[in-house]
N, C-alpha and C. Protein backbone atom coordinates (compact mmCIF):
# COMPACT_ATOMS: atom_id res chain seq x y z
N UNK A 1 -3.32 54.13 -82.59
CA UNK A 1 -4.42 53.44 -82.59
C UNK A 1 -4.64 53.16 -84.09
N UNK A 2 -4.72 51.82 -84.23
CA UNK A 2 -5.12 51.35 -85.77
C UNK A 2 -6.87 51.37 -86.28
N UNK A 3 -6.63 51.24 -87.32
CA UNK A 3 -7.95 51.16 -87.89
C UNK A 3 -9.35 50.50 -87.03
N UNK A 4 -8.68 49.13 -86.92
CA UNK A 4 -9.44 48.06 -86.35
C UNK A 4 -9.73 48.52 -84.92
N UNK A 5 -9.01 49.20 -84.17
CA UNK A 5 -9.08 49.32 -82.70
C UNK A 5 -10.04 50.53 -82.80
N UNK A 6 -9.87 51.29 -83.53
CA UNK A 6 -11.06 52.35 -83.44
C UNK A 6 -12.34 51.86 -83.70
N UNK A 7 -12.53 51.04 -84.49
CA UNK A 7 -13.94 50.43 -85.07
C UNK A 7 -14.57 49.56 -84.04
N UNK A 8 -13.32 48.79 -82.95
CA UNK A 8 -14.22 48.07 -82.08
C UNK A 8 -14.57 49.49 -81.18
N UNK A 9 -13.85 50.12 -80.90
CA UNK A 9 -14.29 51.12 -79.75
C UNK A 9 -15.84 51.67 -80.28
N UNK A 10 -15.87 52.20 -81.26
CA UNK A 10 -17.22 52.71 -82.04
C UNK A 10 -18.17 51.85 -81.80
N UNK A 11 -17.88 50.67 -81.98
CA UNK A 11 -18.97 49.38 -82.07
C UNK A 11 -19.35 49.17 -80.59
N UNK A 12 -18.34 49.02 -79.58
CA UNK A 12 -18.70 48.58 -78.33
C UNK A 12 -19.54 50.06 -77.55
N UNK A 13 -19.03 50.89 -78.02
CA UNK A 13 -19.98 52.26 -77.52
C UNK A 13 -21.39 52.30 -77.87
N UNK A 14 -21.63 51.90 -79.12
CA UNK A 14 -23.01 51.80 -79.68
C UNK A 14 -23.63 50.60 -79.13
N UNK A 15 -23.31 49.39 -78.69
CA UNK A 15 -23.54 48.20 -78.18
C UNK A 15 -23.70 48.63 -76.53
N UNK A 16 -23.00 49.36 -76.02
CA UNK A 16 -23.27 49.53 -74.53
C UNK A 16 -24.62 50.43 -74.72
N UNK A 17 -24.44 51.50 -75.58
CA UNK A 17 -25.58 52.56 -75.40
C UNK A 17 -26.85 51.79 -75.42
N UNK A 18 -26.80 50.35 -76.57
CA UNK A 18 -28.36 49.98 -76.91
C UNK A 18 -28.55 48.99 -75.53
N UNK A 19 -27.62 48.52 -75.36
CA UNK A 19 -27.82 47.27 -74.01
C UNK A 19 -28.39 48.30 -73.07
N UNK A 20 -27.61 49.12 -72.00
CA UNK A 20 -28.13 50.01 -71.45
C UNK A 20 -29.46 50.21 -71.59
N UNK A 21 -30.06 51.10 -72.87
CA UNK A 21 -31.40 51.05 -72.98
C UNK A 21 -32.23 50.12 -72.81
N UNK A 22 -31.87 48.91 -73.18
CA UNK A 22 -32.47 47.68 -73.26
C UNK A 22 -32.96 47.34 -71.95
N UNK A 23 -31.57 47.50 -70.85
CA UNK A 23 -31.90 47.07 -69.17
C UNK A 23 -32.20 48.05 -68.70
N UNK A 24 -32.42 49.29 -68.92
CA UNK A 24 -33.42 50.04 -68.23
C UNK A 24 -34.89 50.16 -68.66
N UNK A 25 -35.22 49.92 -69.96
CA UNK A 25 -36.80 49.54 -70.56
C UNK A 25 -37.22 48.46 -69.66
N UNK A 26 -36.24 47.37 -69.63
CA UNK A 26 -36.72 46.22 -68.99
C UNK A 26 -37.14 46.22 -67.21
N UNK A 27 -36.07 46.79 -66.78
CA UNK A 27 -36.27 47.04 -65.24
C UNK A 27 -37.66 47.96 -65.26
N UNK A 28 -37.86 48.76 -66.07
CA UNK A 28 -38.85 49.90 -65.74
C UNK A 28 -40.15 49.10 -65.88
N UNK A 29 -40.06 48.07 -66.76
CA UNK A 29 -41.51 47.53 -67.25
C UNK A 29 -41.51 46.56 -66.14
N UNK A 30 -40.52 45.90 -65.83
CA UNK A 30 -40.80 45.08 -64.61
C UNK A 30 -41.26 45.33 -63.29
N UNK A 31 -40.61 46.70 -63.19
CA UNK A 31 -41.08 47.41 -61.72
C UNK A 31 -42.66 47.67 -61.84
N UNK A 32 -43.20 48.13 -62.96
CA UNK A 32 -44.62 48.56 -63.26
C UNK A 32 -45.35 47.68 -63.05
N UNK A 33 -44.87 46.10 -63.74
CA UNK A 33 -46.05 45.42 -63.74
C UNK A 33 -45.64 44.82 -62.49
N UNK A 34 -44.79 44.40 -61.68
CA UNK A 34 -44.74 44.32 -60.37
C UNK A 34 -45.69 45.27 -59.20
N UNK A 35 -45.62 46.35 -59.69
CA UNK A 35 -46.62 47.25 -58.84
C UNK A 35 -47.76 46.70 -59.40
N UNK A 36 -48.14 46.55 -60.68
CA UNK A 36 -49.66 46.08 -61.16
C UNK A 36 -49.89 45.09 -60.68
N UNK A 37 -49.31 43.90 -60.28
CA UNK A 37 -49.53 42.69 -59.64
C UNK A 37 -49.87 43.11 -58.03
N UNK A 38 -48.95 43.58 -57.44
CA UNK A 38 -49.12 43.81 -55.83
C UNK A 38 -50.63 44.39 -55.99
N UNK A 39 -50.99 45.76 -56.68
CA UNK A 39 -52.46 46.09 -56.46
C UNK A 39 -53.29 45.08 -56.69
N UNK A 40 -53.61 44.45 -57.68
CA UNK A 40 -54.53 43.35 -58.10
C UNK A 40 -54.43 42.26 -56.73
N UNK A 41 -53.32 42.22 -56.30
CA UNK A 41 -53.54 40.97 -55.15
C UNK A 41 -53.77 41.57 -53.96
N UNK A 42 -53.67 43.14 -53.62
CA UNK A 42 -54.33 43.43 -52.53
C UNK A 42 -56.05 43.69 -52.80
N UNK A 43 -56.36 44.04 -54.13
CA UNK A 43 -58.03 44.06 -54.37
C UNK A 43 -58.44 42.73 -53.96
N UNK A 44 -57.69 41.77 -54.45
CA UNK A 44 -58.33 40.24 -54.75
C UNK A 44 -58.38 40.09 -53.05
N UNK A 45 -57.58 40.62 -52.09
CA UNK A 45 -57.33 39.94 -50.88
C UNK A 45 -56.32 39.29 -50.77
N UNK A 46 -55.37 38.88 -51.61
CA UNK A 46 -53.96 37.88 -51.76
C UNK A 46 -53.34 38.51 -50.88
N UNK A 47 -52.29 37.88 -49.90
CA UNK A 47 -51.21 38.56 -49.43
C UNK A 47 -50.03 38.80 -50.13
N UNK A 48 -49.85 40.13 -49.79
CA UNK A 48 -48.55 40.90 -50.97
C UNK A 48 -47.25 40.47 -50.60
N UNK A 49 -47.19 39.71 -49.40
CA UNK A 49 -45.90 39.37 -48.88
C UNK A 49 -45.37 37.95 -49.85
N UNK A 50 -46.30 37.35 -50.76
CA UNK A 50 -45.71 36.34 -51.77
C UNK A 50 -44.85 36.87 -52.20
N UNK A 51 -43.40 36.12 -52.49
CA UNK A 51 -42.40 36.78 -53.36
C UNK A 51 -42.16 35.68 -54.34
N UNK A 52 -42.20 36.12 -55.60
CA UNK A 52 -41.99 35.40 -56.95
C UNK A 52 -40.62 34.94 -56.52
N UNK A 53 -40.01 33.61 -56.46
CA UNK A 53 -39.01 33.26 -56.42
C UNK A 53 -38.17 33.18 -58.00
N UNK A 54 -38.70 32.98 -58.62
CA UNK A 54 -38.35 32.93 -60.26
C UNK A 54 -37.39 33.87 -60.77
N UNK A 55 -36.65 33.78 -61.68
CA UNK A 55 -35.60 34.61 -61.76
C UNK A 55 -36.27 35.54 -63.23
N UNK A 56 -36.41 36.64 -63.13
CA UNK A 56 -36.94 37.84 -63.93
C UNK A 56 -36.46 37.54 -65.35
N UNK A 57 -37.42 38.18 -66.36
CA UNK A 57 -36.90 38.43 -67.45
C UNK A 57 -35.58 39.29 -67.59
N UNK A 58 -35.58 40.15 -66.70
CA UNK A 58 -34.81 41.50 -66.77
C UNK A 58 -33.07 40.62 -66.31
N UNK A 59 -33.32 39.78 -65.34
CA UNK A 59 -32.31 39.21 -64.93
C UNK A 59 -31.77 38.10 -66.14
N UNK A 60 -32.62 37.42 -66.92
CA UNK A 60 -32.15 36.55 -68.00
C UNK A 60 -31.38 37.46 -69.11
N UNK A 61 -31.87 38.81 -69.30
CA UNK A 61 -31.42 39.53 -70.56
C UNK A 61 -29.97 39.67 -70.09
N UNK A 62 -29.98 40.38 -69.00
CA UNK A 62 -28.67 41.08 -68.09
C UNK A 62 -27.80 39.73 -68.12
N UNK A 63 -27.80 38.51 -67.94
CA UNK A 63 -27.31 37.38 -67.91
C UNK A 63 -26.58 36.88 -69.35
N UNK A 64 -27.45 36.90 -70.21
CA UNK A 64 -27.07 36.68 -71.75
C UNK A 64 -26.55 38.05 -72.13
N UNK A 65 -26.65 39.39 -71.72
CA UNK A 65 -25.67 40.44 -72.48
C UNK A 65 -24.49 39.82 -71.54
N UNK A 66 -24.48 39.49 -70.26
CA UNK A 66 -23.26 39.49 -69.48
C UNK A 66 -22.17 38.23 -69.96
N UNK A 67 -22.72 37.28 -70.74
CA UNK A 67 -21.89 36.13 -71.60
C UNK A 67 -21.40 36.82 -72.56
N UNK A 68 -22.29 37.68 -73.31
CA UNK A 68 -22.11 38.03 -74.56
C UNK A 68 -20.79 39.13 -74.45
N UNK A 69 -20.99 39.85 -73.55
CA UNK A 69 -19.59 40.61 -73.22
C UNK A 69 -18.47 39.97 -72.68
N UNK A 70 -18.97 39.03 -72.17
CA UNK A 70 -17.41 38.05 -71.72
C UNK A 70 -16.65 37.72 -72.70
N UNK A 71 -17.72 37.26 -73.88
CA UNK A 71 -16.79 36.31 -74.74
C UNK A 71 -16.35 37.65 -75.83
N UNK A 72 -16.95 38.64 -75.75
CA UNK A 72 -16.43 39.79 -76.62
C UNK A 72 -15.39 40.35 -76.12
N UNK A 73 -14.87 40.35 -74.96
CA UNK A 73 -13.89 40.43 -74.54
C UNK A 73 -12.46 39.52 -74.60
N UNK A 74 -13.24 38.50 -74.60
CA UNK A 74 -11.99 37.30 -74.80
C UNK A 74 -11.59 37.35 -76.55
N UNK A 75 -12.56 37.56 -77.08
CA UNK A 75 -12.25 38.44 -78.97
C UNK A 75 -11.47 39.21 -78.92
N UNK A 76 -11.71 40.22 -77.89
CA UNK A 76 -10.61 41.46 -78.02
C UNK A 76 -9.25 41.18 -77.79
N UNK A 77 -9.15 40.25 -76.47
CA UNK A 77 -7.84 39.82 -75.68
C UNK A 77 -7.07 39.17 -76.93
N UNK A 78 -8.02 38.25 -77.88
CA UNK A 78 -7.44 37.42 -78.98
C UNK A 78 -6.51 38.43 -79.85
N UNK A 79 -7.45 39.66 -80.25
CA UNK A 79 -6.66 40.32 -81.09
C UNK A 79 -5.34 41.39 -80.60
N UNK A 80 -5.29 41.29 -79.21
CA UNK A 80 -4.19 42.12 -78.73
C UNK A 80 -4.90 43.29 -77.83
N UNK A 81 -6.39 43.31 -77.89
CA UNK A 81 -7.00 44.48 -77.30
C UNK A 81 -7.39 44.28 -75.74
N UNK A 82 -7.00 45.29 -74.80
CA UNK A 82 -7.02 45.13 -73.64
C UNK A 82 -8.70 45.50 -73.21
N UNK A 83 -9.52 44.74 -73.18
CA UNK A 83 -10.99 45.27 -73.18
C UNK A 83 -11.24 46.06 -71.96
N UNK A 84 -10.19 45.52 -70.72
CA UNK A 84 -10.58 46.41 -69.37
C UNK A 84 -10.20 47.58 -69.38
N UNK A 85 -9.37 47.94 -70.40
CA UNK A 85 -9.08 49.59 -70.84
C UNK A 85 -9.87 50.61 -71.42
N UNK A 86 -11.21 49.79 -71.92
CA UNK A 86 -12.25 50.46 -72.61
C UNK A 86 -13.15 50.83 -71.94
N UNK A 87 -13.31 52.12 -71.17
CA UNK A 87 -14.27 52.70 -70.74
C UNK A 87 -15.91 52.02 -71.08
N UNK A 88 -16.16 52.20 -72.41
CA UNK A 88 -17.47 51.76 -72.88
C UNK A 88 -17.36 50.25 -72.09
N UNK A 89 -16.57 49.27 -72.37
CA UNK A 89 -16.55 47.86 -71.85
C UNK A 89 -16.72 47.64 -70.55
N UNK A 90 -16.09 48.44 -69.70
CA UNK A 90 -16.21 48.59 -68.44
C UNK A 90 -17.67 48.73 -67.86
N UNK A 91 -18.18 49.80 -68.59
CA UNK A 91 -19.69 50.45 -68.21
C UNK A 91 -20.09 49.37 -68.57
N UNK A 92 -20.45 48.50 -69.41
CA UNK A 92 -21.24 47.53 -69.87
C UNK A 92 -21.16 46.46 -69.03
N UNK A 93 -19.88 46.23 -68.50
CA UNK A 93 -19.83 44.90 -67.71
C UNK A 93 -20.64 45.18 -66.59
N UNK A 94 -20.57 46.66 -65.65
CA UNK A 94 -21.35 46.90 -64.72
C UNK A 94 -22.61 47.08 -64.89
N UNK A 95 -23.14 47.23 -65.98
CA UNK A 95 -24.45 47.27 -66.54
C UNK A 95 -25.47 45.92 -66.28
N UNK A 96 -24.58 44.69 -66.76
CA UNK A 96 -25.60 43.99 -66.92
C UNK A 96 -24.56 42.49 -65.94
N UNK A 97 -23.70 42.73 -65.10
CA UNK A 97 -23.01 41.71 -64.76
C UNK A 97 -23.62 41.48 -63.44
N UNK A 98 -23.77 40.16 -63.09
CA UNK A 98 -24.41 40.08 -61.46
C UNK A 98 -23.72 40.75 -60.36
N UNK A 99 -24.37 41.33 -59.50
CA UNK A 99 -24.43 41.85 -58.12
C UNK A 99 -22.71 41.86 -57.89
N UNK A 100 -22.51 40.47 -57.66
CA UNK A 100 -21.33 40.22 -57.20
C UNK A 100 -19.96 40.13 -58.13
N UNK A 101 -20.35 40.05 -59.34
CA UNK A 101 -19.38 40.42 -60.04
C UNK A 101 -19.29 41.71 -60.91
N UNK A 102 -19.74 42.58 -60.53
CA UNK A 102 -19.70 44.10 -61.14
C UNK A 102 -18.29 44.81 -61.27
N UNK A 103 -17.60 44.59 -60.12
CA UNK A 103 -16.46 45.54 -59.83
C UNK A 103 -15.17 44.36 -60.41
N UNK A 104 -15.53 43.09 -60.68
CA UNK A 104 -14.27 42.17 -61.09
C UNK A 104 -14.41 41.85 -62.27
N UNK A 105 -13.79 42.81 -63.19
CA UNK A 105 -13.82 42.98 -64.38
C UNK A 105 -12.63 41.71 -64.89
N UNK A 106 -12.98 40.62 -65.36
CA UNK A 106 -12.05 39.94 -65.94
C UNK A 106 -12.26 38.79 -67.10
N UNK A 107 -11.14 39.07 -67.91
CA UNK A 107 -11.46 38.79 -69.75
C UNK A 107 -10.85 37.13 -69.72
């Protein structure tokens, strides 16, 4: 393994760690805000059945990270590195990919 491959592996591991933390915090925050809203709706007598059909901020964050990781995978492929063989790349993909694409890693 050459210097650049080692460097990419290290950078990808750090990026995965930061992205996973970001997604986890965003999901927890979103969940907390949703519980607060539902409590406020119950106190106000509003129906708690009303679902917000908007795309959540967490989903938007995940989609941007997903687009970023796809592009990074293409760049790695251009350098001759198989991104799908890098555990951190696969973990990051599964963390941010839409549910229907989590197990279909393609670059």
